[in-house]
PDB file of N, CA and C in Angstrom:
ATOM      1  N   MET A   1       0.814  -1.182   0.000  1.00  0.00           N
ATOM      2  CA  MET A   1       0.000   0.000   0.000  1.00  0.00           C
ATOM      3  C   MET A   1       0.863   1.254   0.000  1.00  0.00           C
ATOM      4  N   GLN A   2       1.945   1.197   0.738  1.00  0.00           N
ATOM      5  CA  GLN A   2       2.843   2.342   0.798  1.00  0.00           C
ATOM      6  C   GLN A   2       3.490   2.579  -0.568  1.00  0.00           C
ATOM      7  N   ASN A   3       3.821   1.490  -1.303  1.00  0.00           N
ATOM      8  CA  ASN A   3       4.407   1.624  -2.635  1.00  0.00           C
ATOM      9  C   ASN A   3       3.460   2.307  -3.605  1.00  0.00           C
ATOM     10  N   SER A   4       2.164   1.988  -3.525  1.00  0.00           N
ATOM     11  CA  SER A   4       1.210   2.608  -4.432  1.00  0.00           C
ATOM     12  C   SER A   4       1.094   4.099  -4.151  1.00  0.00           C
ATOM     13  N   ILE A   5       1.201   4.516  -2.886  1.00  0.00           N
ATOM     14  CA  ILE A   5       1.171   5.938  -2.540  1.00  0.00           C
ATOM     15  C   ILE A   5       2.402   6.628  -3.108  1.00  0.00           C
ATOM     16  N   LEU A   6       3.555   5.987  -3.004  1.00  0.00           N
ATOM     17  CA  LEU A   6       4.786   6.563  -3.543  1.00  0.00           C
ATOM     18  C   LEU A   6       4.723   6.675  -5.057  1.00  0.00           C
ATOM     19  N   LEU A   7       4.162   5.679  -5.731  1.00  0.00           N
ATOM     20  CA  LEU A   7       4.093   5.707  -7.188  1.00  0.00           C
ATOM     21  C   LEU A   7       3.136   6.776  -7.688  1.00  0.00           C
ATOM     22  N   GLN A   8       2.138   7.133  -6.909  1.00  0.00           N
ATOM     23  CA  GLN A   8       1.201   8.166  -7.321  1.00  0.00           C
ATOM     24  C   GLN A   8       1.879   9.526  -7.374  1.00  0.00           C
ATOM     25  N   ASN A   9       2.897   9.734  -6.582  1.00  0.00           N
ATOM     26  CA  ASN A   9       3.597  11.011  -6.522  1.00  0.00           C
ATOM     27  C   ASN A   9       4.768  11.095  -7.496  1.00  0.00           C
ATOM     28  N   VAL A  10       5.036  10.037  -8.265  1.00  0.00           N
ATOM     29  CA  VAL A  10       6.176   9.995  -9.179  1.00  0.00           C
ATOM     30  C   VAL A  10       5.681  10.238 -10.600  1.00  0.00           C
ATOM     31  N   SER A  11       6.381  11.111 -11.305  1.00  0.00           N
ATOM     32  CA  SER A  11       6.005  11.387 -12.694  1.00  0.00           C
ATOM     33  C   SER A  11       6.397  10.196 -13.570  1.00  0.00           C
ATOM     34  N   PRO A  12       5.766  10.037 -14.713  1.00  0.00           N
ATOM     35  CA  PRO A  12       6.128   8.932 -15.622  1.00  0.00           C
ATOM     36  C   PRO A  12       7.591   8.968 -16.045  1.00  0.00           C
ATOM     37  N   GLU A  13       8.122  10.165 -16.236  1.00  0.00           N
ATOM     38  CA  GLU A  13       9.536  10.291 -16.638  1.00  0.00           C
ATOM     39  C   GLU A  13      10.460   9.801 -15.522  1.00  0.00           C
ATOM     40  N   ARG A  14      10.124  10.181 -14.296  1.00  0.00           N
ATOM     41  CA  ARG A  14      10.942   9.761 -13.154  1.00  0.00           C
ATOM     42  C   ARG A  14      10.838   8.256 -12.933  1.00  0.00           C
ATOM     43  N   LEU A  15       9.634   7.721 -13.121  1.00  0.00           N
ATOM     44  CA  LEU A  15       9.430   6.279 -12.987  1.00  0.00           C
ATOM     45  C   LEU A  15      10.257   5.532 -14.026  1.00  0.00           C
ATOM     46  N   THR A  16      10.294   6.057 -15.239  1.00  0.00           N
ATOM     47  CA  THR A  16      11.106   5.461 -16.305  1.00  0.00           C
ATOM     48  C   THR A  16      12.584   5.463 -15.910  1.00  0.00           C
ATOM     49  N   GLU A  17      13.041   6.588 -15.360  1.00  0.00           N
ATOM     50  CA  GLU A  17      14.437   6.683 -14.914  1.00  0.00           C
ATOM     51  C   GLU A  17      14.729   5.666 -13.809  1.00  0.00           C
ATOM     52  N   LEU A  18      13.813   5.558 -12.852  1.00  0.00           N
ATOM     53  CA  LEU A  18      14.001   4.610 -11.748  1.00  0.00           C
ATOM     54  C   LEU A  18      14.076   3.173 -12.258  1.00  0.00           C
ATOM     55  N   ILE A  19      13.220   2.836 -13.199  1.00  0.00           N
ATOM     56  CA  ILE A  19      13.231   1.481 -13.761  1.00  0.00           C
ATOM     57  C   ILE A  19      14.532   1.240 -14.511  1.00  0.00           C
ATOM     58  N   LYS A  20      14.954   2.215 -15.329  1.00  0.00           N
ATOM     59  CA  LYS A  20      16.214   2.074 -16.075  1.00  0.00           C
ATOM     60  C   LYS A  20      17.394   1.901 -15.130  1.00  0.00           C
ATOM     61  N   ASP A  21      17.423   2.718 -14.072  1.00  0.00           N
ATOM     62  CA  ASP A  21      18.525   2.620 -13.108  1.00  0.00           C
ATOM     63  C   ASP A  21      18.527   1.267 -12.407  1.00  0.00           C
ATOM     64  N   GLY A  22      17.340   0.778 -12.054  1.00  0.00           N
ATOM     65  CA  GLY A  22      17.242  -0.524 -11.402  1.00  0.00           C
ATOM     66  C   GLY A  22      17.696  -1.656 -12.301  1.00  0.00           C
ATOM     67  N   VAL A  23      17.262  -1.620 -13.552  1.00  0.00           N
ATOM     68  CA  VAL A  23      17.658  -2.654 -14.512  1.00  0.00           C
ATOM     69  C   VAL A  23      19.154  -2.576 -14.779  1.00  0.00           C
ATOM     70  N   LYS A  24      19.669  -1.350 -14.943  1.00  0.00           N
ATOM     71  CA  LYS A  24      21.105  -1.171 -15.191  1.00  0.00           C
ATOM     72  C   LYS A  24      21.928  -1.720 -14.028  1.00  0.00           C
ATOM     73  N   SER A  25      21.486  -1.437 -12.816  1.00  0.00           N
ATOM     74  CA  SER A  25      22.179  -1.921 -11.624  1.00  0.00           C
ATOM     75  C   SER A  25      22.178  -3.448 -11.580  1.00  0.00           C
ATOM     76  N   GLN A  26      21.038  -4.054 -11.869  1.00  0.00           N
ATOM     77  CA  GLN A  26      20.927  -5.507 -11.863  1.00  0.00           C
ATOM     78  C   GLN A  26      21.820  -6.124 -12.941  1.00  0.00           C
ATOM     79  N   LEU A  27      21.853  -5.522 -14.122  1.00  0.00           N
ATOM     80  CA  LEU A  27      22.699  -6.035 -15.203  1.00  0.00           C
ATOM     81  C   LEU A  27      24.182  -5.936 -14.852  1.00  0.00           C
ATOM     82  N   GLU A  28      24.573  -4.836 -14.220  1.00  0.00           N
ATOM     83  CA  GLU A  28      25.974  -4.680 -13.804  1.00  0.00           C
ATOM     84  C   GLU A  28      26.353  -5.753 -12.781  1.00  0.00           C
ATOM     85  N   ASP A  29      25.458  -5.992 -11.816  1.00  0.00           N
ATOM     86  CA  ASP A  29      25.706  -7.035 -10.812  1.00  0.00           C
ATOM     87  C   ASP A  29      25.822  -8.401 -11.471  1.00  0.00           C
ATOM     88  N   PHE A  30      24.926  -8.688 -12.418  1.00  0.00           N
ATOM     89  CA  PHE A  30      24.964  -9.964 -13.130  1.00  0.00           C
ATOM     90  C   PHE A  30      26.262 -10.101 -13.922  1.00  0.00           C
ATOM     91  N   LYS A  31      26.675  -9.023 -14.569  1.00  0.00           N
ATOM     92  CA  LYS A  31      27.912  -9.035 -15.365  1.00  0.00           C
ATOM     93  C   LYS A  31      29.121  -9.347 -14.476  1.00  0.00           C
ATOM     94  N   LYS A  32      29.177  -8.712 -13.301  1.00  0.00           N
ATOM     95  CA  LYS A  32      30.289  -8.965 -12.375  1.00  0.00           C
ATOM     96  C   LYS A  32      30.279 -10.407 -11.896  1.00  0.00           C
ATOM     97  N   GLU A  33      29.107 -10.897 -11.538  1.00  0.00           N
ATOM     98  CA  GLU A  33      28.982 -12.272 -11.056  1.00  0.00           C
ATOM     99  C   GLU A  33      29.345 -13.271 -12.145  1.00  0.00           C
ATOM    100  N   PHE A  34      28.886 -13.013 -13.361  1.00  0.00           N
ATOM    101  CA  PHE A  34      29.196 -13.892 -14.487  1.00  0.00           C
ATOM    102  C   PHE A  34      30.692 -13.904 -14.766  1.00  0.00           C
ATOM    103  N   HIS A  35      31.318 -12.744 -14.713  1.00  0.00           N
ATOM    104  CA  HIS A  35      32.767 -12.655 -14.937  1.00  0.00           C
ATOM    105  C   HIS A  35      33.521 -13.432 -13.858  1.00  0.00           C
ATOM    106  N   ASN A  36      33.085 -13.302 -12.608  1.00  0.00           N
ATOM    107  CA  ASN A  36      33.739 -14.033 -11.517  1.00  0.00           C
ATOM    108  C   ASN A  36      33.595 -15.536 -11.692  1.00  0.00           C
ATOM    109  N   LEU A  37      32.432 -15.993 -12.159  1.00  0.00           N
ATOM    110  CA  LEU A  37      32.237 -17.429 -12.376  1.00  0.00           C
ATOM    111  C   LEU A  37      33.152 -17.939 -13.479  1.00  0.00           C
ATOM    112  N   ASN A  38      33.315 -17.151 -14.537  1.00  0.00           N
ATOM    113  CA  ASN A  38      34.162 -17.575 -15.650  1.00  0.00           C
ATOM    114  C   ASN A  38      35.638 -17.511 -15.308  1.00  0.00           C
ATOM    115  N   SER A  39      36.020 -16.609 -14.415  1.00  0.00           N
ATOM    116  CA  SER A  39      37.435 -16.471 -14.093  1.00  0.00           C
ATOM    117  C   SER A  39      37.912 -17.553 -13.121  1.00  0.00           C
ATOM    118  N   LYS A  40      37.001 -18.111 -12.352  1.00  0.00           N
ATOM    119  CA  LYS A  40      37.369 -19.180 -11.424  1.00  0.00           C
ATOM    120  C   LYS A  40      37.495 -20.493 -12.189  1.00  0.00           C
ATOM    121  N   GLU A  41      38.410 -21.330 -11.747  1.00  0.00           N
ATOM    122  CA  GLU A  41      38.555 -22.650 -12.340  1.00  0.00           C
ATOM    123  C   GLU A  41      37.516 -23.560 -11.710  1.00  0.00           C
ATOM    124  N   ASP A  42      36.609 -24.022 -12.522  1.00  0.00           N
ATOM    125  CA  ASP A  42      35.497 -24.832 -12.047  1.00  0.00           C
ATOM    126  C   ASP A  42      35.947 -26.286 -11.906  1.00  0.00           C
ATOM    127  N   LEU A  43      35.904 -26.826 -10.680  1.00  0.00           N
ATOM    128  CA  LEU A  43      36.255 -28.222 -10.442  1.00  0.00           C
ATOM    129  C   LEU A  43      34.998 -29.072 -10.456  1.00  0.00           C
ATOM    130  N   LEU A  44      35.087 -30.197 -11.126  1.00  0.00           N
ATOM    131  CA  LEU A  44      33.964 -31.116 -11.216  1.00  0.00           C
ATOM    132  C   LEU A  44      34.321 -32.419 -10.511  1.00  0.00           C
ATOM    133  N   ASN A  45      33.334 -33.041  -9.902  1.00  0.00           N
ATOM    134  CA  ASN A  45      33.572 -34.359  -9.346  1.00  0.00           C
ATOM    135  C   ASN A  45      33.293 -35.411 -10.427  1.00  0.00           C
ATOM    136  N   ARG A  46      33.506 -36.647 -10.101  1.00  0.00           N
ATOM    137  CA  ARG A  46      33.379 -37.739 -11.074  1.00  0.00           C
ATOM    138  C   ARG A  46      31.978 -37.803 -11.685  1.00  0.00           C
ATOM    139  N   GLN A  47      30.972 -37.717 -10.832  1.00  0.00           N
ATOM    140  CA  GLN A  47      29.591 -37.811 -11.303  1.00  0.00           C
ATOM    141  C   GLN A  47      29.243 -36.663 -12.253  1.00  0.00           C
ATOM    142  N   GLN A  48      29.729 -35.483 -11.962  1.00  0.00           N
ATOM    143  CA  GLN A  48      29.460 -34.329 -12.827  1.00  0.00           C
ATOM    144  C   GLN A  48      30.097 -34.512 -14.203  1.00  0.00           C
ATOM    145  N   VAL A  49      31.292 -35.096 -14.250  1.00  0.00           N
ATOM    146  CA  VAL A  49      31.950 -35.350 -15.530  1.00  0.00           C
ATOM    147  C   VAL A  49      31.179 -36.407 -16.317  1.00  0.00           C
ATOM    148  N   LEU A  50      30.730 -37.447 -15.627  1.00  0.00           N
ATOM    149  CA  LEU A  50      29.941 -38.482 -16.302  1.00  0.00           C
ATOM    150  C   LEU A  50      28.691 -37.884 -16.933  1.00  0.00           C
ATOM    151  N   GLU A  51      28.031 -36.983 -16.214  1.00  0.00           N
ATOM    152  CA  GLU A  51      26.825 -36.346 -16.740  1.00  0.00           C
ATOM    153  C   GLU A  51      27.159 -35.357 -17.854  1.00  0.00           C
ATOM    154  N   LEU A  52      28.245 -34.612 -17.684  1.00  0.00           N
ATOM    155  CA  LEU A  52      28.647 -33.623 -18.686  1.00  0.00           C
ATOM    156  C   LEU A  52      28.955 -34.281 -20.025  1.00  0.00           C
ATOM    157  N   LEU A  53      29.695 -35.380 -19.980  1.00  0.00           N
ATOM    158  CA  LEU A  53      30.104 -36.063 -21.213  1.00  0.00           C
ATOM    159  C   LEU A  53      29.123 -37.147 -21.645  1.00  0.00           C
ATOM    160  N   ASN A  54      28.170 -37.440 -20.771  1.00  0.00           N
ATOM    161  CA  ASN A  54      27.179 -38.483 -21.051  1.00  0.00           C
ATOM    162  C   ASN A  54      27.860 -39.822 -21.357  1.00  0.00           C
ATOM    163  N   ILE A  55      28.763 -40.199 -20.455  1.00  0.00           N
ATOM    164  CA  ILE A  55      29.493 -41.465 -20.585  1.00  0.00           C
ATOM    165  C   ILE A  55      29.316 -42.250 -19.301  1.00  0.00           C
ATOM    166  N   ASN A  56      29.738 -43.508 -19.315  1.00  0.00           N
ATOM    167  CA  ASN A  56      29.655 -44.308 -18.091  1.00  0.00           C
ATOM    168  C   ASN A  56      31.007 -44.294 -17.372  1.00  0.00           C
ATOM    169  N   ALA A  57      31.029 -44.835 -16.162  1.00  0.00           N
ATOM    170  CA  ALA A  57      32.223 -44.785 -15.321  1.00  0.00           C
ATOM    171  C   ALA A  57      33.396 -45.551 -15.933  1.00  0.00           C
ATOM    172  N   THR A  58      33.110 -46.641 -16.628  1.00  0.00           N
ATOM    173  CA  THR A  58      34.176 -47.424 -17.254  1.00  0.00           C
ATOM    174  C   THR A  58      34.874 -46.616 -18.351  1.00  0.00           C
ATOM    175  N   THR A  59      34.096 -45.909 -19.134  1.00  0.00           N
ATOM    176  CA  THR A  59      34.673 -45.082 -20.198  1.00  0.00           C
ATOM    177  C   THR A  59      35.547 -43.988 -19.610  1.00  0.00           C
ATOM    178  N   LEU A  60      35.066 -43.347 -18.543  1.00  0.00           N
ATOM    179  CA  LEU A  60      35.865 -42.307 -17.895  1.00  0.00           C
ATOM    180  C   LEU A  60      37.158 -42.894 -17.350  1.00  0.00           C
ATOM    181  N   TRP A  61      37.099 -44.072 -16.770  1.00  0.00           N
ATOM    182  CA  TRP A  61      38.296 -44.735 -16.250  1.00  0.00           C
ATOM    183  C   TRP A  61      39.300 -44.979 -17.374  1.00  0.00           C
ATOM    184  N   HIS A  62      38.810 -45.449 -18.528  1.00  0.00           N
ATOM    185  CA  HIS A  62      39.704 -45.677 -19.674  1.00  0.00           C
ATOM    186  C   HIS A  62      40.324 -44.369 -20.161  1.00  0.00           C
ATOM    187  N   TYR A  63      39.528 -43.328 -20.242  1.00  0.00           N
ATOM    188  CA  TYR A  63      40.047 -42.019 -20.670  1.00  0.00           C
ATOM    189  C   TYR A  63      41.142 -41.527 -19.724  1.00  0.00           C
ATOM    190  N   GLN A  64      40.938 -41.724 -18.418  1.00  0.00           N
ATOM    191  CA  GLN A  64      41.942 -41.315 -17.435  1.00  0.00           C
ATOM    192  C   GLN A  64      43.230 -42.118 -17.612  1.00  0.00           C
ATOM    193  N   ASN A  65      43.100 -43.438 -17.751  1.00  0.00           N
ATOM    194  CA  ASN A  65      44.286 -44.299 -17.860  1.00  0.00           C
ATOM    195  C   ASN A  65      45.058 -44.059 -19.147  1.00  0.00           C
ATOM    196  N   LYS A  66      44.363 -43.668 -20.205  1.00  0.00           N
ATOM    197  CA  LYS A  66      45.036 -43.376 -21.470  1.00  0.00           C
ATOM    198  C   LYS A  66      45.552 -41.945 -21.537  1.00  0.00           C
ATOM    199  N   GLY A  67      45.280 -41.155 -20.504  1.00  0.00           N
ATOM    200  CA  GLY A  67      45.751 -39.775 -20.460  1.00  0.00           C
ATOM    201  C   GLY A  67      44.925 -38.823 -21.309  1.00  0.00           C
ATOM    202  N   LYS A  68      43.751 -39.245 -21.725  1.00  0.00           N
ATOM    203  CA  LYS A  68      42.899 -38.383 -22.546  1.00  0.00           C
ATOM    204  C   LYS A  68      42.240 -37.288 -21.714  1.00  0.00           C
ATOM    205  N   ILE A  69      41.994 -37.589 -20.455  1.00  0.00           N
ATOM    206  CA  ILE A  69      41.371 -36.621 -19.558  1.00  0.00           C
ATOM    207  C   ILE A  69      42.251 -36.471 -18.321  1.00  0.00           C
ATOM    208  N   PRO A  70      42.784 -35.270 -18.090  1.00  0.00           N
ATOM    209  CA  PRO A  70      43.583 -35.055 -16.876  1.00  0.00           C
ATOM    210  C   PRO A  70      42.688 -35.015 -15.641  1.00  0.00           C
ATOM    211  N   PHE A  71      43.217 -35.485 -14.517  1.00  0.00           N
ATOM    212  CA  PHE A  71      42.447 -35.491 -13.283  1.00  0.00           C
ATOM    213  C   PHE A  71      43.368 -35.257 -12.102  1.00  0.00           C
ATOM    214  N   TYR A  72      42.766 -34.917 -10.994  1.00  0.00           N
ATOM    215  CA  TYR A  72      43.488 -34.613  -9.765  1.00  0.00           C
ATOM    216  C   TYR A  72      42.848 -35.413  -8.640  1.00  0.00           C
ATOM    217  N   LYS A  73      43.679 -35.866  -7.703  1.00  0.00           N
ATOM    218  CA  LYS A  73      43.170 -36.667  -6.595  1.00  0.00           C
ATOM    219  C   LYS A  73      43.407 -35.937  -5.280  1.00  0.00           C
ATOM    220  N   LEU A  74      42.398 -36.055  -4.425  1.00  0.00           N
ATOM    221  CA  LEU A  74      42.506 -35.544  -3.073  1.00  0.00           C
ATOM    222  C   LEU A  74      41.689 -36.478  -2.192  1.00  0.00           C
ATOM    223  N   ALA A  75      42.343 -37.088  -1.234  1.00  0.00           N
ATOM    224  CA  ALA A  75      41.683 -38.017  -0.308  1.00  0.00           C
ATOM    225  C   ALA A  75      40.919 -39.101  -1.072  1.00  0.00           C
ATOM    226  N   ASN A  76      41.595 -39.726  -2.019  1.00  0.00           N
ATOM    227  CA  ASN A  76      41.026 -40.815  -2.831  1.00  0.00           C
ATOM    228  C   ASN A  76      39.793 -40.411  -3.643  1.00  0.00           C
ATOM    229  N   LYS A  77      39.625 -39.136  -3.899  1.00  0.00           N
ATOM    230  CA  LYS A  77      38.538 -38.677  -4.759  1.00  0.00           C
ATOM    231  C   LYS A  77      39.147 -37.966  -5.952  1.00  0.00           C
ATOM    232  N   CYS A  78      38.557 -38.201  -7.113  1.00  0.00           N
ATOM    233  CA  CYS A  78      39.052 -37.580  -8.335  1.00  0.00           C
ATOM    234  C   CYS A  78      38.282 -36.296  -8.626  1.00  0.00           C
ATOM    235  N   TYR A  79      39.010 -35.305  -9.074  1.00  0.00           N
ATOM    236  CA  TYR A  79      38.431 -34.039  -9.487  1.00  0.00           C
ATOM    237  C   TYR A  79      38.981 -33.679 -10.860  1.00  0.00           C
ATOM    238  N   TYR A  80      38.187 -32.933 -11.589  1.00  0.00           N
ATOM    239  CA  TYR A  80      38.527 -32.580 -12.963  1.00  0.00           C
ATOM    240  C   TYR A  80      38.271 -31.094 -13.161  1.00  0.00           C
ATOM    241  N   LYS A  81      39.150 -30.448 -13.907  1.00  0.00           N
ATOM    242  CA  LYS A  81      38.923 -29.044 -14.242  1.00  0.00           C
ATOM    243  C   LYS A  81      38.046 -28.991 -15.486  1.00  0.00           C
ATOM    244  N   ARG A  82      36.977 -28.212 -15.402  1.00  0.00           N
ATOM    245  CA  ARG A  82      36.044 -28.113 -16.531  1.00  0.00           C
ATOM    246  C   ARG A  82      36.771 -27.661 -17.802  1.00  0.00           C
ATOM    247  N   SER A  83      37.677 -26.695 -17.679  1.00  0.00           N
ATOM    248  CA  SER A  83      38.378 -26.190 -18.860  1.00  0.00           C
ATOM    249  C   SER A  83      39.223 -27.282 -19.505  1.00  0.00           C
ATOM    250  N   GLU A  84      39.838 -28.142 -18.688  1.00  0.00           N
ATOM    251  CA  GLU A  84      40.649 -29.225 -19.244  1.00  0.00           C
ATOM    252  C   GLU A  84      39.783 -30.288 -19.903  1.00  0.00           C
ATOM    253  N   ILE A  85      38.606 -30.539 -19.335  1.00  0.00           N
ATOM    254  CA  ILE A  85      37.674 -31.487 -19.963  1.00  0.00           C
ATOM    255  C   ILE A  85      37.264 -30.950 -21.330  1.00  0.00           C
ATOM    256  N   MET A  86      36.915 -29.672 -21.375  1.00  0.00           N
ATOM    257  CA  MET A  86      36.452 -29.083 -22.624  1.00  0.00           C
ATOM    258  C   MET A  86      37.602 -29.034 -23.650  1.00  0.00           C
ATOM    259  N   ASN A  87      38.819 -28.792 -23.190  1.00  0.00           N
ATOM    260  CA  ASN A  87      39.973 -28.772 -24.095  1.00  0.00           C
ATOM    261  C   ASN A  87      40.345 -30.169 -24.596  1.00  0.00           C
ATOM    262  N   SER A  88      39.915 -31.199 -23.877  1.00  0.00           N
ATOM    263  CA  SER A  88      40.204 -32.577 -24.288  1.00  0.00           C
ATOM    264  C   SER A  88      39.337 -33.014 -25.465  1.00  0.00           C
ATOM    265  N   LEU A  89      38.236 -32.319 -25.653  1.00  0.00           N
ATOM    266  CA  LEU A  89      37.344 -32.657 -26.773  1.00  0.00           C
ATOM    267  C   LEU A  89      38.019 -32.280 -28.093  1.00  0.00           C
ATOM    268  N   ILE A  90      37.945 -33.162 -29.050  1.00  0.00           N
ATOM    269  CA  ILE A  90      38.588 -32.957 -30.343  1.00  0.00           C
ATOM    270  C   ILE A  90      37.510 -32.672 -31.379  1.00  0.00           C
ATOM    271  N   PRO A  91      37.617 -31.541 -32.078  1.00  0.00           N
ATOM    272  CA  PRO A  91      36.622 -31.257 -33.107  1.00  0.00           C
ATOM    273  C   PRO A  91      36.735 -32.229 -34.269  1.00  0.00           C
ATOM    274  N   VAL A  92      35.599 -32.635 -34.800  1.00  0.00           N
ATOM    275  CA  VAL A  92      35.570 -33.563 -35.924  1.00  0.00           C
ATOM    276  C   VAL A  92      35.444 -32.754 -37.215  1.00  0.00           C
ATOM    277  N   LYS A  93      36.361 -33.010 -38.138  1.00  0.00           N
ATOM    278  CA  LYS A  93      36.338 -32.308 -39.416  1.00  0.00           C
ATOM    279  C   LYS A  93      35.707 -33.211 -40.469  1.00  0.00           C
ATOM    280  N   LYS A  94      34.813 -32.654 -41.242  1.00  0.00           N
ATOM    281  CA  LYS A  94      34.183 -33.422 -42.313  1.00  0.00           C
ATOM    282  C   LYS A  94      34.516 -32.835 -43.645  1.00  0.00           C
TER     283      LYS A  94
END
C-alpha cells in the first residue's frame, strides 16, 4: 500500500528513470557475477563429468588411464577441471 502511494507522486519520466537505473544496476551485478564465475577454475567431481560427457564410469576410467582426460586426486577422490575437460574434446572435421 505504501508503494502505491509513492508511485502516485512519481512522474512517468521519473518512474522510467528509476526502472532504467534498477535494470542497469541488476545487469551490472549480473555481469560482475558472471565474470567471476568464468574467471574461477570450475572443479567437477566424477559424477558431474559423467553427466557432462554423457558417458559411463568405465569409459571415464579408460580415458583417465590413457591420459585423454587429466584429473586430480585428493583423499582418494578424483576431481577434474572443466576447462581441461572441454579442451580434451577434439573437433571432428568433415
